[in-house]
C-alpha cells in the first residue's frame, strides 16, 4: 500500500504521493483537482476504514479524518443546507 496525503486549499485539491518507507513525507504530486471536486460520499463499512474516491484513486480514510472530509465537502454547498436557522438573527 502506498501512502498519500490529500491537501484541500481554497482553489484546488492536491493529492501528494509519499515514499514507500516514509508514508508521511511527500515525494511527488500525484494529481490536482479543482476545488469544486467533492471528496465524498464516503463508503462506510463496519470494521474497515472508510473509502474515499478521488478521480481514479481509492483511499482508505482513518476514522478520525471522516469529519474533516465531510467538512471540506460541506464548504462547497450553501450554508443554509447544512446549518439550522439562526435562533438569534438580531445579535
N, C-alpha and C. Protein backbone atom coordinates (compact mmCIF):
# COMPACT_ATOMS: atom_id res chain seq x y z
N UNK A 1 0.83 -1.18 0.00
CA UNK A 1 0.00 0.00 0.00
C UNK A 1 0.87 1.24 0.00
N UNK A 2 0.53 2.16 -0.85
CA UNK A 2 1.24 3.42 -0.91
C UNK A 2 0.56 4.44 -0.01
N UNK A 3 1.32 5.40 0.45
CA UNK A 3 0.76 6.45 1.29
C UNK A 3 0.49 7.69 0.47
N UNK A 4 -0.61 8.36 0.77
CA UNK A 4 -0.97 9.59 0.09
C UNK A 4 -1.41 10.62 1.12
N UNK A 5 -1.20 11.88 0.81
CA UNK A 5 -1.72 12.99 1.59
C UNK A 5 -2.64 13.78 0.69
N UNK A 6 -3.79 14.17 1.21
CA UNK A 6 -4.75 14.98 0.45
C UNK A 6 -4.77 16.36 1.08
N UNK A 7 -4.45 17.36 0.27
CA UNK A 7 -4.40 18.74 0.74
C UNK A 7 -5.53 19.52 0.07
N UNK A 8 -6.41 20.10 0.88
CA UNK A 8 -7.53 20.88 0.36
C UNK A 8 -7.23 22.35 0.61
N UNK A 9 -7.14 23.13 -0.45
CA UNK A 9 -6.95 24.57 -0.33
C UNK A 9 -8.20 25.28 -0.80
N UNK A 10 -8.18 26.60 -0.83
CA UNK A 10 -9.36 27.32 -1.28
C UNK A 10 -9.52 27.28 -2.79
N UNK A 11 -8.50 26.86 -3.56
CA UNK A 11 -8.61 26.83 -5.01
C UNK A 11 -8.51 25.45 -5.62
N UNK A 12 -7.90 24.49 -4.92
CA UNK A 12 -7.74 23.17 -5.51
C UNK A 12 -7.56 22.09 -4.44
N UNK A 13 -7.63 20.85 -4.90
CA UNK A 13 -7.33 19.69 -4.07
C UNK A 13 -6.09 19.04 -4.68
N UNK A 14 -5.06 18.86 -3.86
CA UNK A 14 -3.81 18.29 -4.33
C UNK A 14 -3.59 16.95 -3.62
N UNK A 15 -3.31 15.91 -4.41
CA UNK A 15 -3.01 14.60 -3.84
C UNK A 15 -1.51 14.40 -3.97
N UNK A 16 -0.84 14.21 -2.82
CA UNK A 16 0.61 14.04 -2.78
C UNK A 16 0.94 12.58 -2.52
N UNK A 17 1.85 12.03 -3.32
CA UNK A 17 2.31 10.66 -3.12
C UNK A 17 3.47 10.68 -2.13
N UNK A 18 3.46 9.74 -1.21
CA UNK A 18 4.51 9.67 -0.19
C UNK A 18 5.45 8.51 -0.50
N UNK A 19 6.60 8.52 0.14
CA UNK A 19 7.57 7.46 -0.05
C UNK A 19 7.09 6.13 0.51
N UNK A 20 7.67 5.04 0.02
CA UNK A 20 7.25 3.71 0.44
C UNK A 20 7.56 3.48 1.92
N UNK A 21 8.74 3.90 2.38
CA UNK A 21 9.13 3.67 3.77
C UNK A 21 8.81 4.85 4.68
N UNK A 22 8.57 6.00 4.09
CA UNK A 22 8.20 7.19 4.87
C UNK A 22 6.83 7.65 4.38
N UNK A 23 5.81 7.07 4.98
CA UNK A 23 4.45 7.26 4.48
C UNK A 23 3.87 8.63 4.79
N UNK A 24 4.57 9.47 5.56
CA UNK A 24 4.08 10.80 5.90
C UNK A 24 4.96 11.89 5.33
N UNK A 25 5.82 11.55 4.40
CA UNK A 25 6.71 12.53 3.77
C UNK A 25 6.46 12.49 2.26
N UNK A 26 5.87 13.56 1.70
CA UNK A 26 5.55 13.55 0.26
C UNK A 26 6.81 13.59 -0.60
N UNK A 27 6.73 12.87 -1.72
CA UNK A 27 7.84 12.85 -2.67
C UNK A 27 7.44 13.41 -4.03
N UNK A 28 6.13 13.44 -4.33
CA UNK A 28 5.69 13.98 -5.61
C UNK A 28 4.22 14.35 -5.55
N UNK A 29 3.80 15.13 -6.54
CA UNK A 29 2.39 15.48 -6.68
C UNK A 29 1.75 14.41 -7.55
N UNK A 30 0.77 13.70 -7.00
CA UNK A 30 0.09 12.63 -7.74
C UNK A 30 -0.91 13.22 -8.73
N UNK A 31 -1.74 14.15 -8.25
CA UNK A 31 -2.72 14.79 -9.14
C UNK A 31 -3.27 16.05 -8.48
N UNK A 32 -3.91 16.86 -9.31
CA UNK A 32 -4.56 18.10 -8.85
C UNK A 32 -5.99 18.10 -9.38
N UNK A 33 -6.89 18.59 -8.54
CA UNK A 33 -8.30 18.68 -8.92
C UNK A 33 -8.81 20.06 -8.56
N UNK A 34 -9.80 20.57 -9.28
CA UNK A 34 -10.37 21.87 -8.89
C UNK A 34 -11.08 21.75 -7.55
N UNK A 35 -11.21 22.84 -6.85
CA UNK A 35 -11.84 22.83 -5.52
C UNK A 35 -13.30 22.41 -5.59
N UNK A 36 -13.91 22.50 -6.73
CA UNK A 36 -15.32 22.10 -6.86
C UNK A 36 -15.49 20.58 -6.79
N UNK A 37 -14.41 19.83 -6.78
CA UNK A 37 -14.47 18.37 -6.67
C UNK A 37 -14.85 17.97 -5.25
N UNK A 38 -15.82 17.07 -5.13
CA UNK A 38 -16.20 16.58 -3.80
C UNK A 38 -15.38 15.35 -3.46
N UNK A 39 -15.12 15.16 -2.19
CA UNK A 39 -14.37 14.00 -1.71
C UNK A 39 -15.29 12.86 -1.27
N UNK A 40 -16.53 13.15 -1.09
CA UNK A 40 -17.49 12.14 -0.65
C UNK A 40 -18.47 11.85 -1.75
N UNK A 41 -19.44 11.05 -1.52
CA UNK A 41 -19.76 10.43 -0.23
C UNK A 41 -18.78 9.31 0.10
N UNK A 42 -18.54 9.14 1.36
CA UNK A 42 -17.64 8.09 1.82
C UNK A 42 -18.37 6.77 1.88
N UNK A 43 -17.66 5.71 1.54
CA UNK A 43 -18.22 4.37 1.68
C UNK A 43 -17.84 3.88 3.07
N UNK A 44 -18.83 3.81 3.94
CA UNK A 44 -18.59 3.38 5.32
C UNK A 44 -18.82 1.88 5.43
N UNK A 45 -17.90 1.20 6.11
CA UNK A 45 -18.05 -0.23 6.33
C UNK A 45 -17.83 -0.51 7.81
N UNK A 46 -18.29 -1.62 8.25
CA UNK A 46 -18.28 -1.94 9.67
C UNK A 46 -16.93 -1.82 10.35
N UNK A 47 -16.04 -2.77 10.16
CA UNK A 47 -14.78 -2.78 10.90
C UNK A 47 -13.61 -2.21 10.09
N UNK A 48 -13.82 -1.94 8.82
CA UNK A 48 -12.73 -1.41 7.99
C UNK A 48 -12.78 0.11 7.96
N UNK A 49 -11.70 0.71 7.48
CA UNK A 49 -11.68 2.15 7.30
C UNK A 49 -12.62 2.55 6.18
N UNK A 50 -13.05 3.80 6.18
CA UNK A 50 -13.93 4.32 5.14
C UNK A 50 -13.15 4.46 3.84
N UNK A 51 -13.87 4.39 2.72
CA UNK A 51 -13.25 4.54 1.41
C UNK A 51 -13.66 5.85 0.79
N UNK A 52 -12.70 6.53 0.19
CA UNK A 52 -12.91 7.81 -0.46
C UNK A 52 -12.38 7.70 -1.88
N UNK A 53 -13.15 8.14 -2.87
CA UNK A 53 -12.73 8.08 -4.27
C UNK A 53 -12.41 9.48 -4.75
N UNK A 54 -11.18 9.68 -5.18
CA UNK A 54 -10.76 10.95 -5.76
C UNK A 54 -10.22 10.63 -7.14
N UNK A 55 -10.97 10.96 -8.17
CA UNK A 55 -10.58 10.59 -9.53
C UNK A 55 -10.54 9.08 -9.65
N UNK A 56 -9.43 8.53 -10.12
CA UNK A 56 -9.29 7.08 -10.26
C UNK A 56 -8.66 6.44 -9.02
N UNK A 57 -8.35 7.24 -8.03
CA UNK A 57 -7.68 6.77 -6.82
C UNK A 57 -8.71 6.47 -5.72
N UNK A 58 -8.58 5.31 -5.10
CA UNK A 58 -9.42 4.94 -3.97
C UNK A 58 -8.55 4.91 -2.73
N UNK A 59 -8.94 5.69 -1.72
CA UNK A 59 -8.14 5.81 -0.49
C UNK A 59 -8.91 5.27 0.70
N UNK A 60 -8.19 4.60 1.60
CA UNK A 60 -8.76 4.21 2.88
C UNK A 60 -8.54 5.38 3.84
N UNK A 61 -9.61 5.85 4.46
CA UNK A 61 -9.56 7.01 5.32
C UNK A 61 -9.74 6.56 6.77
N UNK A 62 -8.77 6.83 7.65
CA UNK A 62 -8.96 6.51 9.07
C UNK A 62 -10.15 7.26 9.65
N UNK A 63 -10.74 6.69 10.66
CA UNK A 63 -11.98 7.21 11.24
C UNK A 63 -11.87 8.66 11.71
N UNK A 64 -10.70 9.07 12.21
CA UNK A 64 -10.58 10.43 12.72
C UNK A 64 -10.61 11.49 11.63
N UNK A 65 -10.42 11.11 10.36
CA UNK A 65 -10.43 12.08 9.27
C UNK A 65 -11.77 12.15 8.53
N UNK A 66 -12.72 11.30 8.87
CA UNK A 66 -14.04 11.33 8.23
C UNK A 66 -14.73 12.67 8.44
N UNK A 67 -14.75 13.25 9.64
CA UNK A 67 -15.37 14.57 9.80
C UNK A 67 -14.66 15.67 9.00
N UNK A 68 -13.37 15.54 8.80
CA UNK A 68 -12.62 16.54 8.04
C UNK A 68 -13.06 16.51 6.57
N UNK A 69 -13.24 15.32 6.03
CA UNK A 69 -13.68 15.19 4.64
C UNK A 69 -15.10 15.71 4.49
N UNK A 70 -15.95 15.39 5.43
CA UNK A 70 -17.33 15.89 5.37
C UNK A 70 -17.38 17.41 5.48
N UNK A 71 -16.51 17.99 6.29
CA UNK A 71 -16.46 19.46 6.41
C UNK A 71 -15.96 20.10 5.12
N UNK A 72 -14.99 19.47 4.47
CA UNK A 72 -14.49 20.01 3.20
C UNK A 72 -15.58 19.98 2.14
N UNK A 73 -16.39 18.93 2.11
CA UNK A 73 -17.50 18.86 1.16
C UNK A 73 -18.61 19.85 1.53
N UNK A 74 -18.82 20.07 2.82
CA UNK A 74 -19.88 20.98 3.26
C UNK A 74 -19.57 22.42 2.86
N UNK A 75 -18.30 22.76 2.72
CA UNK A 75 -17.94 24.11 2.30
C UNK A 75 -18.37 24.41 0.87
N UNK A 76 -18.60 23.38 0.08
CA UNK A 76 -18.95 23.58 -1.33
C UNK A 76 -20.41 23.91 -1.54
N UNK A 77 -21.27 23.52 -0.63
CA UNK A 77 -22.70 23.78 -0.80
C UNK A 77 -23.12 24.95 0.07
N UNK A 78 -24.25 25.54 -0.26
CA UNK A 78 -24.72 26.68 0.53
C UNK A 78 -24.86 26.33 2.00
N UNK A 79 -24.52 27.28 2.85
CA UNK A 79 -24.54 27.05 4.30
C UNK A 79 -25.94 26.76 4.80
N UNK A 80 -26.95 27.28 4.13
CA UNK A 80 -28.32 27.08 4.60
C UNK A 80 -28.72 25.61 4.56
N UNK A 81 -28.09 24.82 3.72
CA UNK A 81 -28.46 23.41 3.62
C UNK A 81 -27.92 22.59 4.79
N UNK A 82 -26.85 23.05 5.44
CA UNK A 82 -26.20 22.24 6.46
C UNK A 82 -26.36 22.78 7.88
N UNK A 83 -26.81 23.99 8.00
CA UNK A 83 -26.92 24.58 9.33
C UNK A 83 -28.37 24.84 9.70
N UNK A 84 -28.70 24.71 10.96
CA UNK A 84 -30.07 25.06 11.37
C UNK A 84 -30.24 26.58 11.30
N UNK A 85 -31.47 27.05 11.29
CA UNK A 85 -31.70 28.50 11.26
C UNK A 85 -31.13 29.17 12.51
N UNK A 86 -30.65 30.38 12.34
CA UNK A 86 -30.07 31.15 13.45
C UNK A 86 -31.16 31.50 14.44
N UNK A 87 -31.03 31.07 15.73
CA UNK A 87 -32.08 31.37 16.70
C UNK A 87 -32.08 32.84 17.13
N UNK A 88 -30.96 33.54 16.95
CA UNK A 88 -30.88 34.95 17.33
C UNK A 88 -30.35 35.78 16.16
N UNK A 89 -31.14 35.98 15.13
CA UNK A 89 -30.63 36.69 13.94
C UNK A 89 -30.35 38.17 14.19
N UNK A 90 -30.90 38.74 15.27
CA UNK A 90 -30.69 40.17 15.52
C UNK A 90 -29.38 40.47 16.25
N UNK A 91 -28.71 39.49 16.75
CA UNK A 91 -27.48 39.73 17.51
C UNK A 91 -26.30 39.92 16.61
